[in-house]
Amino acid sequence: MTNAPSILVFSGSTRQGSFTRQLAHVAANRIDICGGKASFIDMADYEAPLYHQDTETDDGFPDTVINFRALLRNHDGMMIATPEYNGFVPPLLVNMFSWASRPYQDESANALFHGMPVGLMAASPGGLGGVRVIPRLRDYMAELGTVAVPGFVTLPHAANAFDETGILQNDATLERLDALARRLISACQPD
């Protein structure tokens, strides 16, 4: 592959010790191994005020949102790891996507997301691994105009899934991550 597709990788959690952040780190590494070029970002570096159209009108776009939009513009796809908050997408992701989907300068609403391939993952300390949030995140991302690649990865019992250095200890999950990474990389390549 001469030009490896660039994949923006991030977690919907900024909590210290976050399992989804650990999963996102592992996914970024697996994307690189599978032939893509991953860029991991910490969403704590892109905090934004709660989206409100009056704030947008009065103050414009926060620098963190402008920077996040620039990252989206410069990547071929996204890989998102999300926690599950009462079966739903965390407010951090909803808020950033609410900001990033707004018309900005010469771009129409959702322009950055239109047709962008996305891979979805979830992690949870419980036995379901965040499986309830995946269809909700998939629907939300489709409304923005992204195209979720087939399949997803969930990580149940995430508190016991990593060693003390952050290495994922489950070979079956690594295989599923590799399969998802390969599908995402393939979806990011021009026909």
N, C-alpha and C. Protein backbone atom coordinates (compact mmCIF):
# COMPACT_ATOMS: atom_id res chain seq x y z
N MET A 1 0.85 -1.17 0.00
CA MET A 1 0.00 0.00 0.00
C MET A 1 0.90 1.23 0.00
N THR A 2 0.78 2.06 -1.00
CA THR A 2 1.64 3.23 -1.10
C THR A 2 1.21 4.34 -0.16
N ASN A 3 -0.05 4.64 -0.11
CA ASN A 3 -0.57 5.67 0.79
C ASN A 3 -1.52 5.02 1.78
N ALA A 4 -1.02 4.79 2.98
CA ALA A 4 -1.85 4.17 4.00
C ALA A 4 -2.97 5.13 4.40
N PRO A 5 -4.20 4.65 4.47
CA PRO A 5 -5.30 5.51 4.92
C PRO A 5 -5.05 6.01 6.34
N SER A 6 -5.37 7.26 6.56
CA SER A 6 -5.19 7.85 7.89
C SER A 6 -6.49 7.73 8.68
N ILE A 7 -6.38 7.21 9.88
CA ILE A 7 -7.54 6.94 10.73
C ILE A 7 -7.38 7.72 12.03
N LEU A 8 -8.36 8.55 12.34
CA LEU A 8 -8.40 9.28 13.60
C LEU A 8 -9.04 8.38 14.65
N VAL A 9 -8.31 8.13 15.74
CA VAL A 9 -8.76 7.21 16.78
C VAL A 9 -8.94 7.98 18.08
N PHE A 10 -10.11 7.80 18.71
CA PHE A 10 -10.34 8.47 19.98
C PHE A 10 -11.39 7.73 20.80
N SER A 11 -11.44 8.12 22.07
CA SER A 11 -12.37 7.52 23.01
C SER A 11 -13.39 8.55 23.45
N GLY A 12 -14.58 8.09 23.75
CA GLY A 12 -15.63 8.96 24.29
C GLY A 12 -15.53 9.14 25.79
N SER A 13 -14.40 8.76 26.37
CA SER A 13 -14.18 8.95 27.79
C SER A 13 -12.84 9.64 28.00
N THR A 14 -12.81 10.59 28.91
CA THR A 14 -11.56 11.26 29.27
C THR A 14 -11.14 10.90 30.69
N ARG A 15 -11.84 9.97 31.30
CA ARG A 15 -11.55 9.56 32.68
C ARG A 15 -10.16 8.94 32.78
N GLN A 16 -9.44 9.28 33.83
CA GLN A 16 -8.16 8.63 34.09
C GLN A 16 -8.41 7.13 34.26
N GLY A 17 -7.61 6.31 33.63
CA GLY A 17 -7.77 4.87 33.72
C GLY A 17 -8.92 4.32 32.90
N SER A 18 -9.45 5.12 32.00
CA SER A 18 -10.60 4.72 31.19
C SER A 18 -10.30 3.47 30.37
N PHE A 19 -11.21 2.50 30.45
CA PHE A 19 -11.06 1.28 29.66
C PHE A 19 -11.23 1.57 28.18
N THR A 20 -12.13 2.48 27.84
CA THR A 20 -12.33 2.78 26.42
C THR A 20 -11.13 3.51 25.85
N ARG A 21 -10.48 4.34 26.66
CA ARG A 21 -9.26 5.00 26.18
C ARG A 21 -8.17 3.96 25.95
N GLN A 22 -8.07 2.99 26.86
CA GLN A 22 -7.10 1.91 26.67
C GLN A 22 -7.41 1.12 25.41
N LEU A 23 -8.69 0.83 25.19
CA LEU A 23 -9.09 0.10 23.99
C LEU A 23 -8.75 0.91 22.74
N ALA A 24 -8.97 2.21 22.78
CA ALA A 24 -8.63 3.07 21.63
C ALA A 24 -7.13 3.04 21.35
N HIS A 25 -6.31 3.07 22.40
CA HIS A 25 -4.85 2.98 22.21
C HIS A 25 -4.48 1.67 21.51
N VAL A 26 -5.06 0.58 21.98
CA VAL A 26 -4.77 -0.72 21.37
C VAL A 26 -5.23 -0.72 19.91
N ALA A 27 -6.42 -0.17 19.65
CA ALA A 27 -6.94 -0.13 18.28
C ALA A 27 -6.03 0.68 17.37
N ALA A 28 -5.49 1.79 17.87
CA ALA A 28 -4.57 2.59 17.05
C ALA A 28 -3.36 1.77 16.66
N ASN A 29 -2.83 1.01 17.61
CA ASN A 29 -1.69 0.15 17.32
C ASN A 29 -2.05 -0.92 16.30
N ARG A 30 -3.23 -1.52 16.44
CA ARG A 30 -3.65 -2.57 15.51
C ARG A 30 -3.89 -2.02 14.11
N ILE A 31 -4.40 -0.80 14.02
CA ILE A 31 -4.58 -0.16 12.71
C ILE A 31 -3.23 -0.03 12.02
N ASP A 32 -2.23 0.42 12.75
CA ASP A 32 -0.88 0.55 12.18
C ASP A 32 -0.35 -0.81 11.73
N ILE A 33 -0.54 -1.83 12.55
CA ILE A 33 -0.08 -3.18 12.21
C ILE A 33 -0.78 -3.70 10.95
N CYS A 34 -2.05 -3.35 10.80
CA CYS A 34 -2.85 -3.85 9.67
C CYS A 34 -2.67 -3.02 8.40
N GLY A 35 -1.83 -2.00 8.42
CA GLY A 35 -1.53 -1.26 7.20
C GLY A 35 -2.11 0.13 7.10
N GLY A 36 -2.77 0.60 8.14
CA GLY A 36 -3.27 1.97 8.15
C GLY A 36 -2.30 2.88 8.89
N LYS A 37 -2.68 4.14 8.99
CA LYS A 37 -1.87 5.11 9.73
C LYS A 37 -2.79 5.77 10.76
N ALA A 38 -2.67 5.33 12.01
CA ALA A 38 -3.55 5.80 13.07
C ALA A 38 -2.99 7.04 13.74
N SER A 39 -3.89 7.95 14.10
CA SER A 39 -3.57 9.11 14.92
C SER A 39 -4.48 9.06 16.14
N PHE A 40 -3.91 8.75 17.31
CA PHE A 40 -4.70 8.72 18.53
C PHE A 40 -4.75 10.12 19.11
N ILE A 41 -5.95 10.56 19.49
CA ILE A 41 -6.10 11.83 20.20
C ILE A 41 -6.85 11.59 21.49
N ASP A 42 -6.55 12.43 22.47
CA ASP A 42 -7.24 12.40 23.75
C ASP A 42 -8.29 13.50 23.72
N MET A 43 -9.54 13.13 23.85
CA MET A 43 -10.62 14.12 23.77
C MET A 43 -10.57 15.14 24.90
N ALA A 44 -9.79 14.88 25.94
CA ALA A 44 -9.60 15.89 26.99
C ALA A 44 -8.93 17.13 26.42
N ASP A 45 -8.20 16.96 25.34
CA ASP A 45 -7.54 18.10 24.67
C ASP A 45 -8.50 18.87 23.77
N TYR A 46 -9.74 18.40 23.64
CA TYR A 46 -10.71 19.01 22.74
C TYR A 46 -12.03 19.30 23.45
N GLU A 47 -11.95 19.64 24.72
CA GLU A 47 -13.17 19.95 25.46
C GLU A 47 -13.83 21.19 24.86
N ALA A 48 -15.15 21.18 24.87
CA ALA A 48 -15.91 22.30 24.30
C ALA A 48 -17.10 22.59 25.21
N PRO A 49 -17.53 23.85 25.23
CA PRO A 49 -18.73 24.15 26.02
C PRO A 49 -19.93 23.40 25.44
N LEU A 50 -20.91 23.19 26.27
CA LEU A 50 -22.13 22.54 25.82
C LEU A 50 -22.68 23.30 24.61
N TYR A 51 -22.96 22.55 23.53
CA TYR A 51 -23.41 23.23 22.31
C TYR A 51 -24.74 23.93 22.56
N HIS A 52 -24.78 25.17 22.13
CA HIS A 52 -26.00 25.98 22.16
C HIS A 52 -25.86 26.97 21.01
N GLN A 53 -26.88 27.08 20.19
CA GLN A 53 -26.77 27.94 19.02
C GLN A 53 -26.51 29.40 19.38
N ASP A 54 -27.02 29.85 20.52
CA ASP A 54 -26.72 31.22 20.95
C ASP A 54 -25.23 31.39 21.23
N THR A 55 -24.61 30.37 21.82
CA THR A 55 -23.16 30.42 22.06
C THR A 55 -22.42 30.49 20.74
N GLU A 56 -22.84 29.67 19.78
CA GLU A 56 -22.21 29.69 18.46
C GLU A 56 -22.35 31.07 17.82
N THR A 57 -23.54 31.65 17.89
CA THR A 57 -23.80 32.96 17.29
C THR A 57 -23.01 34.06 17.98
N ASP A 58 -22.99 34.03 19.31
CA ASP A 58 -22.33 35.10 20.07
C ASP A 58 -20.81 34.98 20.10
N ASP A 59 -20.32 33.75 20.24
CA ASP A 59 -18.89 33.55 20.47
C ASP A 59 -18.16 32.84 19.34
N GLY A 60 -18.88 32.31 18.38
CA GLY A 60 -18.25 31.53 17.32
C GLY A 60 -17.85 30.15 17.81
N PHE A 61 -17.03 29.50 17.01
CA PHE A 61 -16.59 28.15 17.33
C PHE A 61 -15.40 28.20 18.29
N PRO A 62 -15.40 27.36 19.33
CA PRO A 62 -14.23 27.28 20.21
C PRO A 62 -13.02 26.76 19.43
N ASP A 63 -11.84 27.17 19.83
CA ASP A 63 -10.62 26.70 19.17
C ASP A 63 -10.52 25.18 19.19
N THR A 64 -10.96 24.56 20.28
CA THR A 64 -10.87 23.11 20.36
C THR A 64 -11.72 22.44 19.28
N VAL A 65 -12.86 23.01 18.97
CA VAL A 65 -13.73 22.47 17.92
C VAL A 65 -13.10 22.70 16.55
N ILE A 66 -12.55 23.88 16.35
CA ILE A 66 -11.87 24.18 15.08
C ILE A 66 -10.72 23.19 14.86
N ASN A 67 -9.97 22.91 15.93
CA ASN A 67 -8.85 21.97 15.82
C ASN A 67 -9.35 20.55 15.56
N PHE A 68 -10.43 20.15 16.21
CA PHE A 68 -11.01 18.82 15.97
C PHE A 68 -11.50 18.70 14.53
N ARG A 69 -12.14 19.74 14.04
CA ARG A 69 -12.61 19.75 12.65
C ARG A 69 -11.43 19.60 11.68
N ALA A 70 -10.33 20.27 11.99
CA ALA A 70 -9.14 20.16 11.13
C ALA A 70 -8.62 18.73 11.11
N LEU A 71 -8.65 18.08 12.26
CA LEU A 71 -8.23 16.67 12.31
C LEU A 71 -9.15 15.81 11.45
N LEU A 72 -10.44 16.00 11.57
CA LEU A 72 -11.38 15.23 10.74
C LEU A 72 -11.11 15.44 9.26
N ARG A 73 -10.89 16.69 8.89
CA ARG A 73 -10.67 17.03 7.49
C ARG A 73 -9.42 16.34 6.94
N ASN A 74 -8.45 16.09 7.80
CA ASN A 74 -7.17 15.54 7.37
C ASN A 74 -7.04 14.03 7.59
N HIS A 75 -8.15 13.37 7.87
CA HIS A 75 -8.13 11.92 8.03
C HIS A 75 -9.17 11.29 7.11
N ASP A 76 -8.88 10.05 6.74
CA ASP A 76 -9.76 9.32 5.83
C ASP A 76 -10.91 8.61 6.55
N GLY A 77 -10.74 8.34 7.83
CA GLY A 77 -11.75 7.62 8.60
C GLY A 77 -11.56 7.83 10.08
N MET A 78 -12.49 7.28 10.85
CA MET A 78 -12.45 7.37 12.31
C MET A 78 -12.64 5.99 12.92
N MET A 79 -12.00 5.78 14.06
CA MET A 79 -12.25 4.61 14.91
C MET A 79 -12.59 5.18 16.28
N ILE A 80 -13.80 4.88 16.75
CA ILE A 80 -14.30 5.45 17.99
C ILE A 80 -14.51 4.34 19.01
N ALA A 81 -13.94 4.52 20.20
CA ALA A 81 -14.21 3.65 21.34
C ALA A 81 -15.12 4.43 22.29
N THR A 82 -16.19 3.82 22.71
CA THR A 82 -17.14 4.53 23.57
C THR A 82 -17.48 3.75 24.83
N PRO A 83 -17.64 4.47 25.93
CA PRO A 83 -18.26 3.83 27.08
C PRO A 83 -19.77 3.81 26.85
N GLU A 84 -20.45 3.17 27.75
CA GLU A 84 -21.91 3.09 27.66
C GLU A 84 -22.49 3.74 28.92
N TYR A 85 -23.20 4.84 28.74
CA TYR A 85 -23.82 5.53 29.86
C TYR A 85 -25.31 5.26 29.82
N ASN A 86 -25.76 4.37 30.70
CA ASN A 86 -27.17 3.97 30.72
C ASN A 86 -27.65 3.53 29.34
N GLY A 87 -26.78 2.81 28.64
CA GLY A 87 -27.13 2.29 27.33
C GLY A 87 -27.01 3.29 26.21
N PHE A 88 -26.47 4.47 26.49
CA PHE A 88 -26.41 5.50 25.45
C PHE A 88 -25.00 6.05 25.28
N VAL A 89 -24.86 6.86 24.25
CA VAL A 89 -23.60 7.51 23.88
C VAL A 89 -23.27 8.57 24.93
N PRO A 90 -22.01 8.69 25.34
CA PRO A 90 -21.66 9.68 26.35
C PRO A 90 -21.81 11.11 25.84
N PRO A 91 -22.17 12.03 26.73
CA PRO A 91 -22.35 13.43 26.35
C PRO A 91 -21.13 14.04 25.68
N LEU A 92 -19.94 13.62 26.06
CA LEU A 92 -18.72 14.14 25.44
C LEU A 92 -18.75 14.00 23.92
N LEU A 93 -19.12 12.81 23.44
CA LEU A 93 -19.18 12.59 21.99
C LEU A 93 -20.32 13.35 21.35
N VAL A 94 -21.49 13.30 21.97
CA VAL A 94 -22.65 13.99 21.41
C VAL A 94 -22.36 15.48 21.28
N ASN A 95 -21.75 16.06 22.30
CA ASN A 95 -21.46 17.49 22.28
C ASN A 95 -20.45 17.84 21.19
N MET A 96 -19.36 17.08 21.10
CA MET A 96 -18.35 17.40 20.08
C MET A 96 -18.92 17.22 18.69
N PHE A 97 -19.69 16.16 18.47
CA PHE A 97 -20.27 15.96 17.15
C PHE A 97 -21.33 17.02 16.85
N SER A 98 -22.02 17.50 17.87
CA SER A 98 -22.98 18.59 17.66
C SER A 98 -22.26 19.84 17.16
N TRP A 99 -21.14 20.16 17.77
CA TRP A 99 -20.35 21.31 17.31
C TRP A 99 -19.78 21.06 15.92
N ALA A 100 -19.13 19.92 15.74
CA ALA A 100 -18.40 19.65 14.49
C ALA A 100 -19.31 19.50 13.29
N SER A 101 -20.58 19.19 13.52
CA SER A 101 -21.50 18.99 12.41
C SER A 101 -22.13 20.29 11.92
N ARG A 102 -21.89 21.38 12.60
CA ARG A 102 -22.48 22.67 12.23
C ARG A 102 -21.82 23.23 10.96
N PRO A 103 -22.57 24.00 10.17
CA PRO A 103 -21.94 24.68 9.03
C PRO A 103 -20.82 25.58 9.55
N TYR A 104 -19.72 25.59 8.83
CA TYR A 104 -18.57 26.39 9.27
C TYR A 104 -17.85 26.92 8.04
N GLN A 105 -17.64 28.21 8.02
CA GLN A 105 -17.00 28.90 6.90
C GLN A 105 -17.68 28.47 5.60
N ASP A 106 -16.95 27.82 4.70
CA ASP A 106 -17.55 27.45 3.41
C ASP A 106 -18.08 26.02 3.38
N GLU A 107 -18.11 25.35 4.54
CA GLU A 107 -18.59 23.97 4.59
C GLU A 107 -20.03 23.92 5.08
N SER A 108 -20.81 23.07 4.46
CA SER A 108 -22.21 22.90 4.88
C SER A 108 -22.27 22.00 6.11
N ALA A 109 -23.44 21.93 6.70
CA ALA A 109 -23.64 21.06 7.86
C ALA A 109 -23.27 19.62 7.51
N ASN A 110 -22.61 18.96 8.42
CA ASN A 110 -22.20 17.56 8.29
C ASN A 110 -21.20 17.30 7.17
N ALA A 111 -20.67 18.33 6.53
CA ALA A 111 -19.77 18.13 5.39
C ALA A 111 -18.56 17.29 5.75
N LEU A 112 -18.02 17.49 6.94
CA LEU A 112 -16.83 16.73 7.34
C LEU A 112 -17.12 15.25 7.50
N PHE A 113 -18.33 14.93 7.81
CA PHE A 113 -18.70 13.54 8.10
C PHE A 113 -19.20 12.78 6.87
N HIS A 114 -19.63 13.50 5.85
CA HIS A 114 -20.31 12.88 4.72
C HIS A 114 -19.45 11.78 4.07
N GLY A 115 -19.93 10.56 4.16
CA GLY A 115 -19.27 9.42 3.53
C GLY A 115 -18.04 8.91 4.25
N MET A 116 -17.69 9.49 5.40
CA MET A 116 -16.48 9.07 6.11
C MET A 116 -16.70 7.70 6.76
N PRO A 117 -15.83 6.73 6.48
CA PRO A 117 -15.93 5.43 7.13
C PRO A 117 -15.59 5.55 8.62
N VAL A 118 -16.30 4.77 9.44
CA VAL A 118 -16.07 4.78 10.88
C VAL A 118 -16.17 3.36 11.42
N GLY A 119 -15.25 3.04 12.31
CA GLY A 119 -15.29 1.78 13.04
C GLY A 119 -15.73 2.05 14.47
N LEU A 120 -16.53 1.16 15.03
CA LEU A 120 -17.11 1.38 16.35
C LEU A 120 -16.69 0.29 17.34
N MET A 121 -16.36 0.75 18.55
CA MET A 121 -15.96 -0.15 19.63
C MET A 121 -16.58 0.34 20.93
N ALA A 122 -16.72 -0.56 21.88
CA ALA A 122 -17.20 -0.20 23.21
C ALA A 122 -16.50 -1.08 24.24
N ALA A 123 -16.36 -0.54 25.43
CA ALA A 123 -15.79 -1.30 26.54
C ALA A 123 -16.62 -1.03 27.79
N SER A 124 -16.70 -2.04 28.64
CA SER A 124 -17.49 -1.90 29.85
C SER A 124 -16.95 -2.86 30.90
N PRO A 125 -17.03 -2.47 32.17
CA PRO A 125 -16.63 -3.42 33.21
C PRO A 125 -17.62 -4.57 33.36
N GLY A 126 -18.82 -4.43 32.82
CA GLY A 126 -19.84 -5.47 32.91
C GLY A 126 -19.69 -6.54 31.86
N GLY A 127 -20.56 -7.51 31.94
CA GLY A 127 -20.49 -8.67 31.06
C GLY A 127 -20.93 -8.42 29.63
N LEU A 128 -21.64 -7.33 29.37
CA LEU A 128 -22.11 -7.06 28.00
C LEU A 128 -21.09 -6.28 27.17
N GLY A 129 -20.13 -5.67 27.80
CA GLY A 129 -19.06 -5.01 27.07
C GLY A 129 -19.47 -3.75 26.33
N GLY A 130 -20.60 -3.18 26.68
CA GLY A 130 -21.03 -1.97 25.99
C GLY A 130 -21.84 -2.24 24.73
N VAL A 131 -22.31 -3.46 24.56
CA VAL A 131 -23.01 -3.82 23.33
C VAL A 131 -24.29 -3.00 23.11
N ARG A 132 -24.90 -2.50 24.18
CA ARG A 132 -26.15 -1.73 24.02
C ARG A 132 -25.91 -0.38 23.36
N VAL A 133 -24.73 0.20 23.53
CA VAL A 133 -24.47 1.53 22.98
C VAL A 133 -24.15 1.48 21.48
N ILE A 134 -23.66 0.37 20.99
CA ILE A 134 -23.21 0.29 19.59
C ILE A 134 -24.31 0.66 18.60
N PRO A 135 -25.52 0.08 18.67
CA PRO A 135 -26.53 0.47 17.68
C PRO A 135 -26.93 1.94 17.79
N ARG A 136 -26.90 2.47 18.99
CA ARG A 136 -27.25 3.89 19.16
C ARG A 136 -26.18 4.79 18.57
N LEU A 137 -24.91 4.43 18.80
CA LEU A 137 -23.82 5.22 18.21
C LEU A 137 -23.82 5.07 16.69
N ARG A 138 -24.07 3.86 16.21
CA ARG A 138 -24.13 3.62 14.75
C ARG A 138 -25.22 4.49 14.12
N ASP A 139 -26.40 4.53 14.73
CA ASP A 139 -27.49 5.36 14.20
C ASP A 139 -27.12 6.84 14.24
N TYR A 140 -26.53 7.27 15.33
CA TYR A 140 -26.14 8.68 15.48
C TYR A 140 -25.12 9.06 14.41
N MET A 141 -24.13 8.20 14.21
CA MET A 141 -23.09 8.49 13.21
C MET A 141 -23.69 8.49 11.81
N ALA A 142 -24.65 7.62 11.55
CA ALA A 142 -25.32 7.61 10.23
C ALA A 142 -26.07 8.91 10.00
N GLU A 143 -26.70 9.45 11.04
CA GLU A 143 -27.39 10.74 10.90
C GLU A 143 -26.42 11.86 10.54
N LEU A 144 -25.18 11.73 11.00
CA LEU A 144 -24.16 12.73 10.65
C LEU A 144 -23.64 12.54 9.23
N GLY A 145 -23.87 11.37 8.66
CA GLY A 145 -23.44 11.11 7.29
C GLY A 145 -22.27 10.15 7.16
N THR A 146 -21.78 9.62 8.29
CA THR A 146 -20.69 8.65 8.21
C THR A 146 -21.23 7.30 7.75
N VAL A 147 -20.32 6.42 7.40
CA VAL A 147 -20.67 5.07 7.00
C VAL A 147 -19.94 4.11 7.93
N ALA A 148 -20.68 3.48 8.83
CA ALA A 148 -20.08 2.52 9.75
C ALA A 148 -19.70 1.26 8.99
N VAL A 149 -18.47 0.81 9.19
CA VAL A 149 -18.05 -0.44 8.55
C VAL A 149 -18.77 -1.59 9.25
N PRO A 150 -18.97 -2.71 8.55
CA PRO A 150 -19.65 -3.84 9.16
C PRO A 150 -18.92 -4.34 10.41
N GLY A 151 -19.69 -4.74 11.37
CA GLY A 151 -19.14 -5.29 12.60
C GLY A 151 -18.76 -4.22 13.60
N PHE A 152 -18.33 -4.68 14.75
CA PHE A 152 -17.90 -3.80 15.83
C PHE A 152 -17.13 -4.66 16.83
N VAL A 153 -16.50 -4.01 17.78
CA VAL A 153 -15.78 -4.72 18.83
C VAL A 153 -16.33 -4.25 20.17
N THR A 154 -16.67 -5.20 21.03
CA THR A 154 -17.01 -4.87 22.41
C THR A 154 -16.03 -5.59 23.33
N LEU A 155 -15.78 -4.97 24.46
CA LEU A 155 -14.85 -5.54 25.43
C LEU A 155 -15.54 -5.65 26.78
N PRO A 156 -16.11 -6.83 27.09
CA PRO A 156 -16.72 -7.03 28.40
C PRO A 156 -15.64 -7.25 29.46
N HIS A 157 -16.01 -7.04 30.72
CA HIS A 157 -15.09 -7.24 31.84
C HIS A 157 -13.78 -6.50 31.61
N ALA A 158 -13.90 -5.28 31.14
CA ALA A 158 -12.73 -4.50 30.72
C ALA A 158 -11.76 -4.23 31.86
N ALA A 159 -12.22 -4.24 33.09
CA ALA A 159 -11.33 -3.99 34.22
C ALA A 159 -10.25 -5.07 34.33
N ASN A 160 -10.52 -6.24 33.79
CA ASN A 160 -9.56 -7.34 33.86
C ASN A 160 -8.92 -7.64 32.51
N ALA A 161 -9.18 -6.82 31.51
CA ALA A 161 -8.75 -7.13 30.14
C ALA A 161 -7.33 -6.70 29.82
N PHE A 162 -6.78 -5.76 30.58
CA PHE A 162 -5.46 -5.19 30.28
C PHE A 162 -4.48 -5.53 31.39
N ASP A 163 -3.21 -5.71 31.01
CA ASP A 163 -2.19 -5.87 32.05
C ASP A 163 -1.80 -4.49 32.59
N GLU A 164 -0.87 -4.44 33.51
CA GLU A 164 -0.50 -3.17 34.15
C GLU A 164 0.16 -2.18 33.19
N THR A 165 0.59 -2.63 32.03
CA THR A 165 1.19 -1.72 31.04
C THR A 165 0.21 -1.32 29.94
N GLY A 166 -1.04 -1.78 30.05
CA GLY A 166 -2.05 -1.42 29.06
C GLY A 166 -2.17 -2.38 27.89
N ILE A 167 -1.49 -3.52 27.97
CA ILE A 167 -1.56 -4.52 26.91
C ILE A 167 -2.85 -5.32 27.06
N LEU A 168 -3.61 -5.42 25.98
CA LEU A 168 -4.84 -6.20 25.98
C LEU A 168 -4.47 -7.68 26.02
N GLN A 169 -5.06 -8.40 26.96
CA GLN A 169 -4.67 -9.79 27.22
C GLN A 169 -5.56 -10.83 26.54
N ASN A 170 -6.50 -10.41 25.73
CA ASN A 170 -7.46 -11.34 25.14
C ASN A 170 -7.20 -11.46 23.64
N ASP A 171 -6.69 -12.62 23.23
CA ASP A 171 -6.34 -12.84 21.82
C ASP A 171 -7.56 -12.77 20.90
N ALA A 172 -8.71 -13.25 21.36
CA ALA A 172 -9.92 -13.21 20.52
C ALA A 172 -10.32 -11.76 20.25
N THR A 173 -10.20 -10.90 21.25
CA THR A 173 -10.53 -9.48 21.05
C THR A 173 -9.52 -8.84 20.11
N LEU A 174 -8.25 -9.19 20.24
CA LEU A 174 -7.24 -8.66 19.31
C LEU A 174 -7.56 -9.07 17.87
N GLU A 175 -8.00 -10.30 17.68
CA GLU A 175 -8.36 -10.76 16.34
C GLU A 175 -9.55 -9.97 15.80
N ARG A 176 -10.55 -9.71 16.66
CA ARG A 176 -11.70 -8.91 16.23
C ARG A 176 -11.28 -7.47 15.92
N LEU A 177 -10.36 -6.92 16.72
CA LEU A 177 -9.84 -5.57 16.44
C LEU A 177 -9.14 -5.54 15.10
N ASP A 178 -8.33 -6.55 14.83
CA ASP A 178 -7.63 -6.60 13.54
C ASP A 178 -8.62 -6.68 12.38
N ALA A 179 -9.65 -7.49 12.53
CA ALA A 179 -10.65 -7.62 11.46
C ALA A 179 -11.37 -6.30 11.24
N LEU A 180 -11.74 -5.62 12.32
CA LEU A 180 -12.40 -4.32 12.20
C LEU A 180 -11.45 -3.29 11.58
N ALA A 181 -10.20 -3.30 12.00
CA ALA A 181 -9.21 -2.37 11.45
C ALA A 181 -9.03 -2.60 9.95
N ARG A 182 -8.95 -3.86 9.52
CA ARG A 182 -8.79 -4.15 8.09
C ARG A 182 -10.01 -3.69 7.29
N ARG A 183 -11.21 -3.89 7.83
CA ARG A 183 -12.42 -3.43 7.12
C ARG A 183 -12.44 -1.90 7.02
N LEU A 184 -12.03 -1.23 8.10
CA LEU A 184 -12.00 0.23 8.09
C LEU A 184 -10.95 0.74 7.11
N ILE A 185 -9.78 0.16 7.12
CA ILE A 185 -8.72 0.56 6.18
C ILE A 185 -9.19 0.36 4.75
N SER A 186 -9.81 -0.78 4.48
CA SER A 186 -10.31 -1.05 3.13
C SER A 186 -11.37 -0.03 2.72
N ALA A 187 -12.27 0.32 3.65
CA ALA A 187 -13.33 1.29 3.34
C ALA A 187 -12.77 2.68 3.07
N CYS A 188 -11.60 2.97 3.60
CA CYS A 188 -10.99 4.30 3.43
C CYS A 188 -10.21 4.43 2.13
N GLN A 189 -9.98 3.33 1.45
CA GLN A 189 -9.20 3.38 0.22
C GLN A 189 -10.11 3.69 -0.96
N PRO A 190 -9.61 4.51 -1.88
CA PRO A 190 -10.42 4.81 -3.07
C PRO A 190 -10.64 3.56 -3.90
N ASP A 191 -11.77 3.52 -4.58
CA ASP A 191 -12.09 2.36 -5.44
C ASP A 191 -11.14 2.23 -6.60
